Amino acid sequence: MLALETLEEHGKLRFTRLGELIGDVSQKMLTKTLRQMEADGLVLREVFPVVPPRVEYELTPLGRSLGEAFCGVWTWADEHRQTILDARTAFTARKNATDAMN
């Protein structure tokens, strides 16, 4: 989802820049994710015959449509973020109280 969201937001990106924008992701995991997305028809991979090799990725129309489908989930998560954090805090407090009694 992070690769999908980043490509949706920034458009065509070089491999290295995509990794930087995503953040804490290994090169191996990013490569694996992008290969699967390419196989699924979600991204286009363009290799430029230069030294060092330059590779760029961009979403296909199918990939963009998947991003649109996830948009509702991202919006919901953003709108309910504080409620979720409050629920986690309350859960932890109840668990700690129960653990202290045992």
PDB file of N, CA and C in Angstrom:
ATOM      1  N   MET A   1       0.821  -1.198   0.000  1.00  0.00           N
ATOM      2  CA  MET A   1       0.000   0.000   0.000  1.00  0.00           C
ATOM      3  C   MET A   1       0.862   1.257   0.000  1.00  0.00           C
ATOM      4  N   LEU A   2       2.016   1.203   0.670  1.00  0.00           N
ATOM      5  CA  LEU A   2       2.867   2.385   0.713  1.00  0.00           C
ATOM      6  C   LEU A   2       3.422   2.739  -0.663  1.00  0.00           C
ATOM      7  N   ALA A   3       3.822   1.732  -1.412  1.00  0.00           N
ATOM      8  CA  ALA A   3       4.320   1.983  -2.760  1.00  0.00           C
ATOM      9  C   ALA A   3       3.198   2.545  -3.634  1.00  0.00           C
ATOM     10  N   LEU A   4       2.037   1.985  -3.514  1.00  0.00           N
ATOM     11  CA  LEU A   4       0.876   2.444  -4.277  1.00  0.00           C
ATOM     12  C   LEU A   4       0.560   3.902  -3.948  1.00  0.00           C
ATOM     13  N   GLU A   5       0.513   4.212  -2.680  1.00  0.00           N
ATOM     14  CA  GLU A   5       0.194   5.573  -2.247  1.00  0.00           C
ATOM     15  C   GLU A   5       1.272   6.566  -2.699  1.00  0.00           C
ATOM     16  N   THR A   6       2.532   6.176  -2.585  1.00  0.00           N
ATOM     17  CA  THR A   6       3.630   7.067  -2.961  1.00  0.00           C
ATOM     18  C   THR A   6       3.634   7.339  -4.458  1.00  0.00           C
ATOM     19  N   LEU A   7       3.427   6.305  -5.254  1.00  0.00           N
ATOM     20  CA  LEU A   7       3.365   6.498  -6.700  1.00  0.00           C
ATOM     21  C   LEU A   7       2.141   7.319  -7.106  1.00  0.00           C
ATOM     22  N   GLU A   8       1.042   7.132  -6.410  1.00  0.00           N
ATOM     23  CA  GLU A   8      -0.169   7.909  -6.687  1.00  0.00           C
ATOM     24  C   GLU A   8       0.085   9.387  -6.399  1.00  0.00           C
ATOM     25  N   GLU A   9       0.773   9.655  -5.312  1.00  0.00           N
ATOM     26  CA  GLU A   9       1.011  11.033  -4.892  1.00  0.00           C
ATOM     27  C   GLU A   9       2.082  11.740  -5.735  1.00  0.00           C
ATOM     28  N   HIS A  10       3.133  11.018  -6.119  1.00  0.00           N
ATOM     29  CA  HIS A  10       4.284  11.644  -6.767  1.00  0.00           C
ATOM     30  C   HIS A  10       4.432  11.331  -8.260  1.00  0.00           C
ATOM     31  N   GLY A  11       3.653  10.404  -8.776  1.00  0.00           N
ATOM     32  CA  GLY A  11       3.771  10.058 -10.197  1.00  0.00           C
ATOM     33  C   GLY A  11       4.966   9.167 -10.456  1.00  0.00           C
ATOM     34  N   LYS A  12       5.552   9.289 -11.635  1.00  0.00           N
ATOM     35  CA  LYS A  12       6.680   8.444 -12.044  1.00  0.00           C
ATOM     36  C   LYS A  12       7.887   8.729 -11.153  1.00  0.00           C
ATOM     37  N   LEU A  13       8.479   7.649 -10.607  1.00  0.00           N
ATOM     38  CA  LEU A  13       9.615   7.799  -9.699  1.00  0.00           C
ATOM     39  C   LEU A  13      10.715   6.798  -9.998  1.00  0.00           C
ATOM     40  N   ARG A  14      11.942   7.231  -9.781  1.00  0.00           N
ATOM     41  CA  ARG A  14      13.069   6.310  -9.844  1.00  0.00           C
ATOM     42  C   ARG A  14      13.023   5.414  -8.617  1.00  0.00           C
ATOM     43  N   PHE A  15      13.602   4.226  -8.755  1.00  0.00           N
ATOM     44  CA  PHE A  15      13.582   3.236  -7.679  1.00  0.00           C
ATOM     45  C   PHE A  15      14.105   3.824  -6.364  1.00  0.00           C
ATOM     46  N   THR A  16      15.259   4.475  -6.437  1.00  0.00           N
ATOM     47  CA  THR A  16      15.887   5.017  -5.226  1.00  0.00           C
ATOM     48  C   THR A  16      15.007   6.071  -4.572  1.00  0.00           C
ATOM     49  N   ARG A  17      14.438   6.950  -5.361  1.00  0.00           N
ATOM     50  CA  ARG A  17      13.583   8.009  -4.813  1.00  0.00           C
ATOM     51  C   ARG A  17      12.314   7.418  -4.203  1.00  0.00           C
ATOM     52  N   LEU A  18      11.753   6.427  -4.831  1.00  0.00           N
ATOM     53  CA  LEU A  18      10.569   5.753  -4.288  1.00  0.00           C
ATOM     54  C   LEU A  18      10.883   5.183  -2.909  1.00  0.00           C
ATOM     55  N   GLY A  19      12.026   4.530  -2.785  1.00  0.00           N
ATOM     56  CA  GLY A  19      12.428   3.989  -1.490  1.00  0.00           C
ATOM     57  C   GLY A  19      12.605   5.067  -0.435  1.00  0.00           C
ATOM     58  N   GLU A  20      13.201   6.188  -0.836  1.00  0.00           N
ATOM     59  CA  GLU A  20      13.387   7.304   0.103  1.00  0.00           C
ATOM     60  C   GLU A  20      12.046   7.847   0.583  1.00  0.00           C
ATOM     61  N   LEU A  21      11.112   8.006  -0.322  1.00  0.00           N
ATOM     62  CA  LEU A  21       9.808   8.561   0.036  1.00  0.00           C
ATOM     63  C   LEU A  21       8.988   7.611   0.902  1.00  0.00           C
ATOM     64  N   ILE A  22       9.121   6.318   0.650  1.00  0.00           N
ATOM     65  CA  ILE A  22       8.396   5.341   1.466  1.00  0.00           C
ATOM     66  C   ILE A  22       8.955   5.328   2.878  1.00  0.00           C
ATOM     67  N   GLY A  23      10.271   5.392   2.982  1.00  0.00           N
ATOM     68  CA  GLY A  23      10.886   5.418   4.311  1.00  0.00           C
ATOM     69  C   GLY A  23      11.554   4.109   4.646  1.00  0.00           C
ATOM     70  N   ASP A  24      11.214   3.558   5.761  1.00  0.00           N
ATOM     71  CA  ASP A  24      11.890   2.389   6.312  1.00  0.00           C
ATOM     72  C   ASP A  24      11.511   1.108   5.563  1.00  0.00           C
ATOM     73  N   VAL A  25      12.134   0.911   4.392  1.00  0.00           N
ATOM     74  CA  VAL A  25      11.895  -0.294   3.595  1.00  0.00           C
ATOM     75  C   VAL A  25      13.232  -0.746   3.017  1.00  0.00           C
ATOM     76  N   SER A  26      13.478  -2.040   3.070  1.00  0.00           N
ATOM     77  CA  SER A  26      14.729  -2.556   2.518  1.00  0.00           C
ATOM     78  C   SER A  26      14.645  -2.579   0.993  1.00  0.00           C
ATOM     79  N   GLN A  27      15.796  -2.515   0.352  1.00  0.00           N
ATOM     80  CA  GLN A  27      15.847  -2.570  -1.112  1.00  0.00           C
ATOM     81  C   GLN A  27      15.261  -3.890  -1.595  1.00  0.00           C
ATOM     82  N   LYS A  28      15.553  -4.971  -0.864  1.00  0.00           N
ATOM     83  CA  LYS A  28      15.047  -6.294  -1.241  1.00  0.00           C
ATOM     84  C   LYS A  28      13.513  -6.338  -1.198  1.00  0.00           C
ATOM     85  N   MET A  29      12.936  -5.789  -0.139  1.00  0.00           N
ATOM     86  CA  MET A  29      11.482  -5.821  -0.004  1.00  0.00           C
ATOM     87  C   MET A  29      10.805  -4.912  -1.029  1.00  0.00           C
ATOM     88  N   LEU A  30      11.413  -3.753  -1.281  1.00  0.00           N
ATOM     89  CA  LEU A  30      10.850  -2.857  -2.286  1.00  0.00           C
ATOM     90  C   LEU A  30      10.899  -3.496  -3.671  1.00  0.00           C
ATOM     91  N   THR A  31      12.016  -4.147  -3.984  1.00  0.00           N
ATOM     92  CA  THR A  31      12.149  -4.835  -5.270  1.00  0.00           C
ATOM     93  C   THR A  31      11.080  -5.918  -5.404  1.00  0.00           C
ATOM     94  N   LYS A  32      10.907  -6.701  -4.362  1.00  0.00           N
ATOM     95  CA  LYS A  32       9.919  -7.788  -4.380  1.00  0.00           C
ATOM     96  C   LYS A  32       8.501  -7.222  -4.566  1.00  0.00           C
ATOM     97  N   THR A  33       8.206  -6.165  -3.842  1.00  0.00           N
ATOM     98  CA  THR A  33       6.880  -5.548  -3.931  1.00  0.00           C
ATOM     99  C   THR A  33       6.615  -5.006  -5.332  1.00  0.00           C
ATOM    100  N   LEU A  34       7.601  -4.289  -5.883  1.00  0.00           N
ATOM    101  CA  LEU A  34       7.417  -3.705  -7.209  1.00  0.00           C
ATOM    102  C   LEU A  34       7.320  -4.762  -8.294  1.00  0.00           C
ATOM    103  N   ARG A  35       8.074  -5.837  -8.162  1.00  0.00           N
ATOM    104  CA  ARG A  35       7.969  -6.932  -9.146  1.00  0.00           C
ATOM    105  C   ARG A  35       6.581  -7.546  -9.126  1.00  0.00           C
ATOM    106  N   GLN A  36       6.042  -7.748  -7.930  1.00  0.00           N
ATOM    107  CA  GLN A  36       4.697  -8.319  -7.827  1.00  0.00           C
ATOM    108  C   GLN A  36       3.660  -7.348  -8.383  1.00  0.00           C
ATOM    109  N   MET A  37       3.823  -6.061  -8.085  1.00  0.00           N
ATOM    110  CA  MET A  37       2.899  -5.057  -8.613  1.00  0.00           C
ATOM    111  C   MET A  37       2.976  -4.996 -10.136  1.00  0.00           C
ATOM    112  N   GLU A  38       4.177  -5.144 -10.679  1.00  0.00           N
ATOM    113  CA  GLU A  38       4.341  -5.168 -12.139  1.00  0.00           C
ATOM    114  C   GLU A  38       3.665  -6.404 -12.725  1.00  0.00           C
ATOM    115  N   ALA A  39       3.868  -7.552 -12.090  1.00  0.00           N
ATOM    116  CA  ALA A  39       3.244  -8.798 -12.562  1.00  0.00           C
ATOM    117  C   ALA A  39       1.723  -8.716 -12.513  1.00  0.00           C
ATOM    118  N   ASP A  40       1.200  -7.992 -11.522  1.00  0.00           N
ATOM    119  CA  ASP A  40      -0.249  -7.843 -11.369  1.00  0.00           C
ATOM    120  C   ASP A  40      -0.827  -6.761 -12.277  1.00  0.00           C
ATOM    121  N   GLY A  41       0.054  -6.059 -12.999  1.00  0.00           N
ATOM    122  CA  GLY A  41      -0.415  -5.020 -13.907  1.00  0.00           C
ATOM    123  C   GLY A  41      -0.690  -3.688 -13.234  1.00  0.00           C
ATOM    124  N   LEU A  42      -0.143  -3.492 -12.025  1.00  0.00           N
ATOM    125  CA  LEU A  42      -0.395  -2.261 -11.281  1.00  0.00           C
ATOM    126  C   LEU A  42       0.625  -1.168 -11.566  1.00  0.00           C
ATOM    127  N   VAL A  43       1.852  -1.563 -11.953  1.00  0.00           N
ATOM    128  CA  VAL A  43       2.885  -0.572 -12.264  1.00  0.00           C
ATOM    129  C   VAL A  43       3.567  -0.903 -13.576  1.00  0.00           C
ATOM    130  N   LEU A  44       4.077   0.151 -14.200  1.00  0.00           N
ATOM    131  CA  LEU A  44       4.935   0.006 -15.369  1.00  0.00           C
ATOM    132  C   LEU A  44       6.361   0.255 -14.911  1.00  0.00           C
ATOM    133  N   ARG A  45       7.274  -0.560 -15.400  1.00  0.00           N
ATOM    134  CA  ARG A  45       8.694  -0.434 -15.077  1.00  0.00           C
ATOM    135  C   ARG A  45       9.422  -0.086 -16.362  1.00  0.00           C
ATOM    136  N   GLU A  46      10.169   1.009 -16.320  1.00  0.00           N
ATOM    137  CA  GLU A  46      10.916   1.434 -17.496  1.00  0.00           C
ATOM    138  C   GLU A  46      12.396   1.470 -17.141  1.00  0.00           C
ATOM    139  N   VAL A  47      13.201   0.722 -17.908  1.00  0.00           N
ATOM    140  CA  VAL A  47      14.642   0.657 -17.692  1.00  0.00           C
ATOM    141  C   VAL A  47      15.327   1.479 -18.774  1.00  0.00           C
ATOM    142  N   PHE A  48      16.216   2.364 -18.348  1.00  0.00           N
ATOM    143  CA  PHE A  48      16.973   3.202 -19.277  1.00  0.00           C
ATOM    144  C   PHE A  48      18.386   2.639 -19.402  1.00  0.00           C
ATOM    145  N   PRO A  49      18.860   2.443 -20.624  1.00  0.00           N
ATOM    146  CA  PRO A  49      20.179   1.820 -20.841  1.00  0.00           C
ATOM    147  C   PRO A  49      21.321   2.819 -20.626  1.00  0.00           C
ATOM    148  N   VAL A  50      21.514   3.195 -19.364  1.00  0.00           N
ATOM    149  CA  VAL A  50      22.598   4.099 -18.994  1.00  0.00           C
ATOM    150  C   VAL A  50      23.402   3.465 -17.869  1.00  0.00           C
ATOM    151  N   VAL A  51      24.575   4.029 -17.601  1.00  0.00           N
ATOM    152  CA  VAL A  51      25.408   3.542 -16.505  1.00  0.00           C
ATOM    153  C   VAL A  51      25.521   4.673 -15.487  1.00  0.00           C
ATOM    154  N   PRO A  52      25.125   4.434 -14.239  1.00  0.00           N
ATOM    155  CA  PRO A  52      24.485   3.222 -13.733  1.00  0.00           C
ATOM    156  C   PRO A  52      23.046   3.116 -14.257  1.00  0.00           C
ATOM    157  N   PRO A  53      22.488   1.907 -14.217  1.00  0.00           N
ATOM    158  CA  PRO A  53      21.129   1.710 -14.736  1.00  0.00           C
ATOM    159  C   PRO A  53      20.124   2.604 -14.016  1.00  0.00           C
ATOM    160  N   ARG A  54      19.204   3.122 -14.784  1.00  0.00           N
ATOM    161  CA  ARG A  54      18.131   3.949 -14.227  1.00  0.00           C
ATOM    162  C   ARG A  54      16.816   3.231 -14.480  1.00  0.00           C
ATOM    163  N   VAL A  55      16.039   3.075 -13.428  1.00  0.00           N
ATOM    164  CA  VAL A  55      14.747   2.399 -13.529  1.00  0.00           C
ATOM    165  C   VAL A  55      13.689   3.308 -12.921  1.00  0.00           C
ATOM    166  N   GLU A  56      12.602   3.487 -13.643  1.00  0.00           N
ATOM    167  CA  GLU A  56      11.494   4.300 -13.149  1.00  0.00           C
ATOM    168  C   GLU A  56      10.215   3.465 -13.099  1.00  0.00           C
ATOM    169  N   TYR A  57       9.378   3.813 -12.151  1.00  0.00           N
ATOM    170  CA  TYR A  57       8.100   3.122 -11.961  1.00  0.00           C
ATOM    171  C   TYR A  57       6.978   4.142 -11.971  1.00  0.00           C
ATOM    172  N   GLU A  58       5.852   3.730 -12.546  1.00  0.00           N
ATOM    173  CA  GLU A  58       4.648   4.547 -12.476  1.00  0.00           C
ATOM    174  C   GLU A  58       3.431   3.633 -12.462  1.00  0.00           C
ATOM    175  N   LEU A  59       2.351   4.146 -11.906  1.00  0.00           N
ATOM    176  CA  LEU A  59       1.124   3.356 -11.847  1.00  0.00           C
ATOM    177  C   LEU A  59       0.488   3.242 -13.221  1.00  0.00           C
ATOM    178  N   THR A  60      -0.098   2.092 -13.474  1.00  0.00           N
ATOM    179  CA  THR A  60      -0.921   1.887 -14.661  1.00  0.00           C
ATOM    180  C   THR A  60      -2.331   2.400 -14.329  1.00  0.00           C
ATOM    181  N   PRO A  61      -3.211   2.469 -15.306  1.00  0.00           N
ATOM    182  CA  PRO A  61      -4.602   2.819 -14.993  1.00  0.00           C
ATOM    183  C   PRO A  61      -5.205   1.863 -13.946  1.00  0.00           C
ATOM    184  N   LEU A  62      -4.855   0.582 -14.033  1.00  0.00           N
ATOM    185  CA  LEU A  62      -5.347  -0.378 -13.036  1.00  0.00           C
ATOM    186  C   LEU A  62      -4.818  -0.032 -11.649  1.00  0.00           C
ATOM    187  N   GLY A  63      -3.541   0.325 -11.557  1.00  0.00           N
ATOM    188  CA  GLY A  63      -2.947   0.714 -10.279  1.00  0.00           C
ATOM    189  C   GLY A  63      -3.595   1.963  -9.712  1.00  0.00           C
ATOM    190  N   ARG A  64      -3.869   2.934 -10.589  1.00  0.00           N
ATOM    191  CA  ARG A  64      -4.536   4.157 -10.130  1.00  0.00           C
ATOM    192  C   ARG A  64      -5.943   3.854  -9.619  1.00  0.00           C
ATOM    193  N   SER A  65      -6.628   2.941 -10.284  1.00  0.00           N
ATOM    194  CA  SER A  65      -7.984   2.601  -9.831  1.00  0.00           C
ATOM    195  C   SER A  65      -7.939   1.904  -8.467  1.00  0.00           C
ATOM    196  N   LEU A  66      -6.901   1.113  -8.220  1.00  0.00           N
ATOM    197  CA  LEU A  66      -6.753   0.490  -6.896  1.00  0.00           C
ATOM    198  C   LEU A  66      -6.484   1.562  -5.850  1.00  0.00           C
ATOM    199  N   GLY A  67      -5.666   2.540  -6.200  1.00  0.00           N
ATOM    200  CA  GLY A  67      -5.415   3.651  -5.285  1.00  0.00           C
ATOM    201  C   GLY A  67      -6.695   4.387  -4.931  1.00  0.00           C
ATOM    202  N   GLU A  68      -7.550   4.593  -5.915  1.00  0.00           N
ATOM    203  CA  GLU A  68      -8.835   5.247  -5.671  1.00  0.00           C
ATOM    204  C   GLU A  68      -9.705   4.417  -4.735  1.00  0.00           C
ATOM    205  N   ALA A  69      -9.653   3.098  -4.887  1.00  0.00           N
ATOM    206  CA  ALA A  69     -10.440   2.219  -4.019  1.00  0.00           C
ATOM    207  C   ALA A  69      -9.960   2.312  -2.573  1.00  0.00           C
ATOM    208  N   PHE A  70      -8.646   2.429  -2.373  1.00  0.00           N
ATOM    209  CA  PHE A  70      -8.085   2.538  -1.025  1.00  0.00           C
ATOM    210  C   PHE A  70      -8.280   3.919  -0.432  1.00  0.00           C
ATOM    211  N   CYS A  71      -8.570   4.903  -1.253  1.00  0.00           N
ATOM    212  CA  CYS A  71      -8.713   6.275  -0.787  1.00  0.00           C
ATOM    213  C   CYS A  71      -9.737   6.367   0.342  1.00  0.00           C
ATOM    214  N   GLY A  72     -10.837   5.660   0.212  1.00  0.00           N
ATOM    215  CA  GLY A  72     -11.863   5.667   1.255  1.00  0.00           C
ATOM    216  C   GLY A  72     -11.345   5.125   2.574  1.00  0.00           C
ATOM    217  N   VAL A  73     -10.520   4.101   2.524  1.00  0.00           N
ATOM    218  CA  VAL A  73      -9.946   3.523   3.740  1.00  0.00           C
ATOM    219  C   VAL A  73      -8.979   4.521   4.379  1.00  0.00           C
ATOM    220  N   TRP A  74      -8.131   5.155   3.555  1.00  0.00           N
ATOM    221  CA  TRP A  74      -7.184   6.140   4.095  1.00  0.00           C
ATOM    222  C   TRP A  74      -7.922   7.315   4.723  1.00  0.00           C
ATOM    223  N   THR A  75      -8.990   7.768   4.081  1.00  0.00           N
ATOM    224  CA  THR A  75      -9.773   8.882   4.615  1.00  0.00           C
ATOM    225  C   THR A  75     -10.410   8.486   5.938  1.00  0.00           C
ATOM    226  N   TRP A  76     -10.984   7.288   6.002  1.00  0.00           N
ATOM    227  CA  TRP A  76     -11.601   6.811   7.235  1.00  0.00           C
ATOM    228  C   TRP A  76     -10.560   6.746   8.357  1.00  0.00           C
ATOM    229  N   ALA A  77      -9.390   6.174   8.068  1.00  0.00           N
ATOM    230  CA  ALA A  77      -8.341   6.046   9.082  1.00  0.00           C
ATOM    231  C   ALA A  77      -7.900   7.413   9.588  1.00  0.00           C
ATOM    232  N   ASP A  78      -7.773   8.373   8.693  1.00  0.00           N
ATOM    233  CA  ASP A  78      -7.372   9.716   9.088  1.00  0.00           C
ATOM    234  C   ASP A  78      -8.437  10.368   9.969  1.00  0.00           C
ATOM    235  N   GLU A  79      -9.691  10.215   9.596  1.00  0.00           N
ATOM    236  CA  GLU A  79     -10.791  10.811  10.356  1.00  0.00           C
ATOM    237  C   GLU A  79     -10.951  10.179  11.738  1.00  0.00           C
ATOM    238  N   HIS A  80     -10.603   8.908  11.877  1.00  0.00           N
ATOM    239  CA  HIS A  80     -10.823   8.194  13.134  1.00  0.00           C
ATOM    240  C   HIS A  80      -9.537   7.924  13.912  1.00  0.00           C
ATOM    241  N   ARG A  81      -8.454   8.526  13.503  1.00  0.00           N
ATOM    242  CA  ARG A  81      -7.145   8.267  14.114  1.00  0.00           C
ATOM    243  C   ARG A  81      -7.174   8.497  15.623  1.00  0.00           C
ATOM    244  N   GLN A  82      -7.670   9.652  16.059  1.00  0.00           N
ATOM    245  CA  GLN A  82      -7.661   9.952  17.490  1.00  0.00           C
ATOM    246  C   GLN A  82      -8.553   9.001  18.273  1.00  0.00           C
ATOM    247  N   THR A  83      -9.695   8.631  17.737  1.00  0.00           N
ATOM    248  CA  THR A  83     -10.583   7.679  18.407  1.00  0.00           C
ATOM    249  C   THR A  83      -9.892   6.328  18.579  1.00  0.00           C
ATOM    250  N   ILE A  84      -9.167   5.903  17.554  1.00  0.00           N
ATOM    251  CA  ILE A  84      -8.423   4.634  17.631  1.00  0.00           C
ATOM    252  C   ILE A  84      -7.321   4.727  18.671  1.00  0.00           C
ATOM    253  N   LEU A  85      -6.586   5.838  18.687  1.00  0.00           N
ATOM    254  CA  LEU A  85      -5.528   6.012  19.691  1.00  0.00           C
ATOM    255  C   LEU A  85      -6.104   6.026  21.106  1.00  0.00           C
ATOM    256  N   ASP A  86      -7.248   6.688  21.289  1.00  0.00           N
ATOM    257  CA  ASP A  86      -7.907   6.711  22.597  1.00  0.00           C
ATOM    258  C   ASP A  86      -8.339   5.308  23.018  1.00  0.00           C
ATOM    259  N   ALA A  87      -8.866   4.530  22.080  1.00  0.00           N
ATOM    260  CA  ALA A  87      -9.283   3.157  22.382  1.00  0.00           C
ATOM    261  C   ALA A  87      -8.079   2.306  22.784  1.00  0.00           C
ATOM    262  N   ARG A  88      -6.970   2.478  22.108  1.00  0.00           N
ATOM    263  CA  ARG A  88      -5.755   1.725  22.460  1.00  0.00           C
ATOM    264  C   ARG A  88      -5.278   2.082  23.859  1.00  0.00           C
ATOM    265  N   THR A  89      -5.315   3.371  24.190  1.00  0.00           N
ATOM    266  CA  THR A  89      -4.896   3.810  25.520  1.00  0.00           C
ATOM    267  C   THR A  89      -5.802   3.213  26.589  1.00  0.00           C
ATOM    268  N   ALA A  90      -7.104   3.245  26.363  1.00  0.00           N
ATOM    269  CA  ALA A  90      -8.054   2.676  27.322  1.00  0.00           C
ATOM    270  C   ALA A  90      -7.859   1.172  27.456  1.00  0.00           C
ATOM    271  N   PHE A  91      -7.619   0.489  26.348  1.00  0.00           N
ATOM    272  CA  PHE A  91      -7.384  -0.960  26.380  1.00  0.00           C
ATOM    273  C   PHE A  91      -6.148  -1.279  27.208  1.00  0.00           C
ATOM    274  N   THR A  92      -5.071  -0.539  26.973  1.00  0.00           N
ATOM    275  CA  THR A  92      -3.826  -0.772  27.704  1.00  0.00           C
ATOM    276  C   THR A  92      -4.026  -0.533  29.193  1.00  0.00           C
ATOM    277  N   ALA A  93      -4.765   0.506  29.558  1.00  0.00           N
ATOM    278  CA  ALA A  93      -5.031   0.799  30.959  1.00  0.00           C
ATOM    279  C   ALA A  93      -5.828  -0.338  31.609  1.00  0.00           C
ATOM    280  N   ARG A  94      -6.866  -0.833  30.901  1.00  0.00           N
ATOM    281  CA  ARG A  94      -7.655  -1.948  31.445  1.00  0.00           C
ATOM    282  C   ARG A  94      -6.797  -3.200  31.583  1.00  0.00           C
ATOM    283  N   LYS A  95      -5.967  -3.481  30.599  1.00  0.00           N
ATOM    284  CA  LYS A  95      -5.105  -4.661  30.639  1.00  0.00           C
ATOM    285  C   LYS A  95      -4.110  -4.557  31.785  1.00  0.00           C
ATOM    286  N   ASN A  96      -3.512  -3.391  31.957  1.00  0.00           N
ATOM    287  CA  ASN A  96      -2.557  -3.197  33.043  1.00  0.00           C
ATOM    288  C   ASN A  96      -3.224  -3.363  34.405  1.00  0.00           C
ATOM    289  N   ALA A  97      -4.451  -2.856  34.546  1.00  0.00           N
ATOM    290  CA  ALA A  97      -5.194  -2.987  35.799  1.00  0.00           C
ATOM    291  C   ALA A  97      -5.504  -4.459  36.073  1.00  0.00           C
ATOM    292  N   THR A  98      -5.915  -5.185  35.052  1.00  0.00           N
ATOM    293  CA  THR A  98      -6.205  -6.620  35.193  1.00  0.00           C
ATOM    294  C   THR A  98      -4.947  -7.402  35.541  1.00  0.00           C
ATOM    295  N   ASP A  99      -3.849  -7.098  34.859  1.00  0.00           N
ATOM    296  CA  ASP A  99      -2.582  -7.773  35.121  1.00  0.00           C
ATOM    297  C   ASP A  99      -2.100  -7.513  36.533  1.00  0.00           C
ATOM    298  N   ALA A 100      -2.313  -6.288  37.055  1.00  0.00           N
ATOM    299  CA  ALA A 100      -1.883  -5.941  38.402  1.00  0.00           C
ATOM    300  C   ALA A 100      -2.680  -6.697  39.456  1.00  0.00           C
ATOM    301  N   MET A 101      -3.930  -7.020  39.143  1.00  0.00           N
ATOM    302  CA  MET A 101      -4.788  -7.753  40.085  1.00  0.00           C
ATOM    303  C   MET A 101      -4.408  -9.221  40.144  1.00  0.00           C
ATOM    304  N   ASN A 102      -3.805  -9.750  39.100  1.00  0.00           N
ATOM    305  CA  ASN A 102      -3.475 -11.170  39.051  1.00  0.00           C
ATOM    306  C   ASN A 102      -2.135 -11.459  39.605  1.00  0.00           C
TER     307      ASN A 102
END
